[in-house]
Amino acid sequence: MSMEDPFFVVKGEVQKAVNTAQGLFQRWTELLQDPSIATREEIDWTTNELRNNLRSIEWDLEDLDETINILFVALSRELQFPSCAK
């Protein structure tokens, strides 16, 4: 079993979500520019999916930021007090 760096796992998930959001955003702008091409249900569905996708990306990035900050503090302490790290 290989251990993957969690950073790259989250990065991949975020990139996939960003790609999905780009597609949803493109469709959403098409629907808003020409509402006659879709039903109200499709417009609402696309709007909600885009909103939910962006929230998910935001939460993933917040988690990643917290993780990086925790690691930064731990590394700073280790560098500041090397004898305590052993």
N, C-alpha and C. Protein backbone atom coordinates (compact mmCIF):
# COMPACT_ATOMS: atom_id res chain seq x y z
N MET A 1 0.84 -1.18 0.00
CA MET A 1 0.00 0.00 0.00
C MET A 1 0.89 1.24 0.00
N SER A 2 0.66 2.14 -0.92
CA SER A 2 1.47 3.36 -0.97
C SER A 2 0.77 4.47 -0.21
N MET A 3 1.58 5.27 0.46
CA MET A 3 1.03 6.41 1.18
C MET A 3 1.21 7.65 0.31
N GLU A 4 0.11 8.29 0.02
CA GLU A 4 0.17 9.51 -0.78
C GLU A 4 0.22 10.71 0.14
N ASP A 5 0.91 11.73 -0.30
CA ASP A 5 0.95 12.98 0.43
C ASP A 5 -0.46 13.58 0.43
N PRO A 6 -1.03 13.85 1.62
CA PRO A 6 -2.39 14.40 1.67
C PRO A 6 -2.55 15.70 0.88
N PHE A 7 -1.48 16.47 0.79
CA PHE A 7 -1.55 17.72 0.02
C PHE A 7 -1.95 17.42 -1.42
N PHE A 8 -1.31 16.42 -2.01
CA PHE A 8 -1.58 16.11 -3.41
C PHE A 8 -2.94 15.46 -3.60
N VAL A 9 -3.40 14.74 -2.59
CA VAL A 9 -4.75 14.17 -2.64
C VAL A 9 -5.78 15.30 -2.67
N VAL A 10 -5.64 16.24 -1.73
CA VAL A 10 -6.57 17.36 -1.66
C VAL A 10 -6.45 18.23 -2.91
N LYS A 11 -5.23 18.45 -3.36
CA LYS A 11 -5.02 19.24 -4.57
C LYS A 11 -5.77 18.62 -5.75
N GLY A 12 -5.70 17.31 -5.88
CA GLY A 12 -6.41 16.63 -6.96
C GLY A 12 -7.91 16.78 -6.84
N GLU A 13 -8.42 16.67 -5.60
CA GLU A 13 -9.85 16.83 -5.37
C GLU A 13 -10.31 18.25 -5.69
N VAL A 14 -9.51 19.22 -5.27
CA VAL A 14 -9.86 20.62 -5.53
C VAL A 14 -9.82 20.89 -7.03
N GLN A 15 -8.80 20.38 -7.72
CA GLN A 15 -8.71 20.60 -9.16
C GLN A 15 -9.91 20.00 -9.89
N LYS A 16 -10.31 18.81 -9.48
CA LYS A 16 -11.48 18.17 -10.08
C LYS A 16 -12.74 19.02 -9.83
N ALA A 17 -12.88 19.52 -8.60
CA ALA A 17 -14.04 20.36 -8.27
C ALA A 17 -14.01 21.67 -9.04
N VAL A 18 -12.83 22.24 -9.23
CA VAL A 18 -12.71 23.48 -10.01
C VAL A 18 -13.12 23.23 -11.46
N ASN A 19 -12.69 22.11 -12.02
CA ASN A 19 -13.08 21.78 -13.40
C ASN A 19 -14.59 21.64 -13.51
N THR A 20 -15.21 20.98 -12.53
CA THR A 20 -16.67 20.85 -12.52
C THR A 20 -17.33 22.22 -12.41
N ALA A 21 -16.79 23.06 -11.53
CA ALA A 21 -17.35 24.41 -11.35
C ALA A 21 -17.25 25.22 -12.63
N GLN A 22 -16.15 25.07 -13.35
CA GLN A 22 -16.00 25.80 -14.62
C GLN A 22 -17.07 25.39 -15.61
N GLY A 23 -17.34 24.09 -15.70
CA GLY A 23 -18.38 23.61 -16.60
C GLY A 23 -19.76 24.11 -16.18
N LEU A 24 -20.03 24.05 -14.88
CA LEU A 24 -21.31 24.55 -14.37
C LEU A 24 -21.45 26.05 -14.62
N PHE A 25 -20.37 26.79 -14.39
CA PHE A 25 -20.42 28.23 -14.60
C PHE A 25 -20.68 28.56 -16.07
N GLN A 26 -20.03 27.83 -16.95
CA GLN A 26 -20.25 28.06 -18.38
C GLN A 26 -21.71 27.82 -18.74
N ARG A 27 -22.26 26.71 -18.25
CA ARG A 27 -23.67 26.41 -18.54
C ARG A 27 -24.58 27.45 -17.91
N TRP A 28 -24.27 27.86 -16.69
CA TRP A 28 -25.08 28.85 -15.97
C TRP A 28 -25.12 30.17 -16.74
N THR A 29 -23.96 30.62 -17.25
CA THR A 29 -23.95 31.88 -18.01
C THR A 29 -24.72 31.74 -19.32
N GLU A 30 -24.63 30.57 -19.96
CA GLU A 30 -25.42 30.34 -21.17
C GLU A 30 -26.92 30.44 -20.87
N LEU A 31 -27.33 29.84 -19.77
CA LEU A 31 -28.74 29.85 -19.40
C LEU A 31 -29.22 31.27 -19.09
N LEU A 32 -28.38 32.04 -18.43
CA LEU A 32 -28.77 33.41 -18.08
C LEU A 32 -28.80 34.33 -19.30
N GLN A 33 -27.91 34.08 -20.25
CA GLN A 33 -27.88 34.91 -21.46
C GLN A 33 -29.07 34.63 -22.36
N ASP A 34 -29.54 33.38 -22.36
CA ASP A 34 -30.68 33.01 -23.21
C ASP A 34 -31.60 32.07 -22.43
N PRO A 35 -32.43 32.62 -21.56
CA PRO A 35 -33.30 31.79 -20.71
C PRO A 35 -34.27 30.91 -21.50
N SER A 36 -34.47 31.21 -22.77
CA SER A 36 -35.41 30.41 -23.56
C SER A 36 -34.86 29.02 -23.89
N ILE A 37 -33.56 28.79 -23.68
CA ILE A 37 -32.97 27.49 -24.02
C ILE A 37 -33.14 26.47 -22.90
N ALA A 38 -33.68 26.88 -21.75
CA ALA A 38 -33.80 25.95 -20.63
C ALA A 38 -35.06 26.22 -19.82
N THR A 39 -35.41 25.24 -19.03
CA THR A 39 -36.53 25.42 -18.11
C THR A 39 -36.05 26.12 -16.85
N ARG A 40 -36.97 26.62 -16.10
CA ARG A 40 -36.67 27.25 -14.82
C ARG A 40 -36.00 26.22 -13.90
N GLU A 41 -36.44 24.98 -14.01
CA GLU A 41 -35.85 23.91 -13.19
C GLU A 41 -34.36 23.72 -13.49
N GLU A 42 -33.99 23.77 -14.78
CA GLU A 42 -32.58 23.60 -15.13
C GLU A 42 -31.76 24.78 -14.63
N ILE A 43 -32.30 25.97 -14.76
CA ILE A 43 -31.60 27.15 -14.28
C ILE A 43 -31.39 27.05 -12.77
N ASP A 44 -32.45 26.69 -12.04
CA ASP A 44 -32.34 26.55 -10.59
C ASP A 44 -31.36 25.44 -10.20
N TRP A 45 -31.45 24.30 -10.90
CA TRP A 45 -30.56 23.18 -10.59
C TRP A 45 -29.10 23.58 -10.81
N THR A 46 -28.83 24.21 -11.95
CA THR A 46 -27.46 24.61 -12.28
C THR A 46 -26.94 25.63 -11.27
N THR A 47 -27.79 26.58 -10.89
CA THR A 47 -27.41 27.58 -9.90
C THR A 47 -27.07 26.92 -8.57
N ASN A 48 -27.91 26.01 -8.12
CA ASN A 48 -27.66 25.33 -6.84
C ASN A 48 -26.42 24.46 -6.89
N GLU A 49 -26.23 23.73 -7.99
CA GLU A 49 -25.04 22.88 -8.12
C GLU A 49 -23.76 23.72 -8.12
N LEU A 50 -23.80 24.84 -8.82
CA LEU A 50 -22.63 25.73 -8.87
C LEU A 50 -22.34 26.28 -7.47
N ARG A 51 -23.37 26.73 -6.79
CA ARG A 51 -23.21 27.27 -5.44
C ARG A 51 -22.64 26.21 -4.50
N ASN A 52 -23.20 25.01 -4.54
CA ASN A 52 -22.72 23.93 -3.66
C ASN A 52 -21.29 23.54 -3.99
N ASN A 53 -20.96 23.50 -5.26
CA ASN A 53 -19.61 23.15 -5.69
C ASN A 53 -18.61 24.18 -5.18
N LEU A 54 -18.95 25.45 -5.30
CA LEU A 54 -18.05 26.51 -4.83
C LEU A 54 -17.88 26.47 -3.32
N ARG A 55 -18.95 26.17 -2.60
CA ARG A 55 -18.84 26.03 -1.14
C ARG A 55 -17.89 24.89 -0.78
N SER A 56 -18.04 23.79 -1.48
CA SER A 56 -17.19 22.63 -1.22
C SER A 56 -15.71 22.97 -1.47
N ILE A 57 -15.45 23.68 -2.54
CA ILE A 57 -14.08 24.11 -2.82
C ILE A 57 -13.57 25.02 -1.71
N GLU A 58 -14.41 25.94 -1.28
CA GLU A 58 -14.02 26.85 -0.20
C GLU A 58 -13.67 26.08 1.07
N TRP A 59 -14.49 25.10 1.43
CA TRP A 59 -14.23 24.31 2.63
C TRP A 59 -12.94 23.50 2.49
N ASP A 60 -12.73 22.90 1.32
CA ASP A 60 -11.49 22.15 1.10
C ASP A 60 -10.27 23.05 1.24
N LEU A 61 -10.35 24.26 0.69
CA LEU A 61 -9.23 25.19 0.77
C LEU A 61 -9.01 25.66 2.21
N GLU A 62 -10.09 25.86 2.96
CA GLU A 62 -9.95 26.23 4.37
C GLU A 62 -9.28 25.12 5.15
N ASP A 63 -9.68 23.87 4.91
CA ASP A 63 -9.05 22.73 5.57
C ASP A 63 -7.57 22.64 5.22
N LEU A 64 -7.27 22.84 3.96
CA LEU A 64 -5.88 22.79 3.51
C LEU A 64 -5.06 23.90 4.17
N ASP A 65 -5.64 25.08 4.26
CA ASP A 65 -4.96 26.21 4.91
C ASP A 65 -4.69 25.90 6.38
N GLU A 66 -5.67 25.34 7.08
CA GLU A 66 -5.48 24.97 8.48
C GLU A 66 -4.36 23.95 8.63
N THR A 67 -4.36 22.96 7.76
CA THR A 67 -3.33 21.92 7.81
C THR A 67 -1.94 22.49 7.59
N ILE A 68 -1.83 23.36 6.61
CA ILE A 68 -0.53 24.00 6.33
C ILE A 68 -0.08 24.83 7.52
N ASN A 69 -1.00 25.56 8.14
CA ASN A 69 -0.65 26.38 9.30
C ASN A 69 -0.19 25.51 10.47
N ILE A 70 -0.87 24.38 10.70
CA ILE A 70 -0.46 23.46 11.77
C ILE A 70 0.94 22.94 11.51
N LEU A 71 1.20 22.52 10.28
CA LEU A 71 2.53 22.02 9.93
C LEU A 71 3.59 23.10 10.05
N PHE A 72 3.24 24.32 9.67
CA PHE A 72 4.18 25.43 9.76
C PHE A 72 4.56 25.69 11.21
N VAL A 73 3.56 25.70 12.10
CA VAL A 73 3.83 25.93 13.52
C VAL A 73 4.68 24.79 14.08
N ALA A 74 4.35 23.56 13.73
CA ALA A 74 5.12 22.41 14.23
C ALA A 74 6.56 22.47 13.73
N LEU A 75 6.75 22.78 12.48
CA LEU A 75 8.10 22.87 11.92
C LEU A 75 8.87 24.03 12.55
N SER A 76 8.20 25.15 12.77
CA SER A 76 8.86 26.31 13.40
C SER A 76 9.33 25.95 14.80
N ARG A 77 8.49 25.23 15.55
CA ARG A 77 8.88 24.83 16.91
C ARG A 77 10.05 23.85 16.87
N GLU A 78 10.00 22.94 15.91
CA GLU A 78 11.09 21.96 15.79
C GLU A 78 12.41 22.65 15.47
N LEU A 79 12.36 23.65 14.62
CA LEU A 79 13.57 24.39 14.26
C LEU A 79 14.04 25.27 15.42
N GLN A 80 13.08 25.78 16.18
CA GLN A 80 13.42 26.66 17.29
C GLN A 80 13.95 25.87 18.49
N PHE A 81 13.37 24.70 18.73
CA PHE A 81 13.75 23.86 19.87
C PHE A 81 14.05 22.44 19.39
N PRO A 82 15.18 22.24 18.71
CA PRO A 82 15.47 20.93 18.11
C PRO A 82 15.57 19.79 19.13
N SER A 83 16.01 20.06 20.34
CA SER A 83 16.16 18.98 21.32
C SER A 83 14.80 18.46 21.81
N CYS A 84 13.75 19.26 21.70
CA CYS A 84 12.41 18.84 22.14
C CYS A 84 11.73 17.96 21.11
N ALA A 85 12.20 17.97 19.90
CA ALA A 85 11.56 17.23 18.83
C ALA A 85 11.88 15.74 18.88
N LYS A 86 12.91 15.37 19.62
CA LYS A 86 13.34 13.96 19.67
C LYS A 86 12.60 13.18 20.69
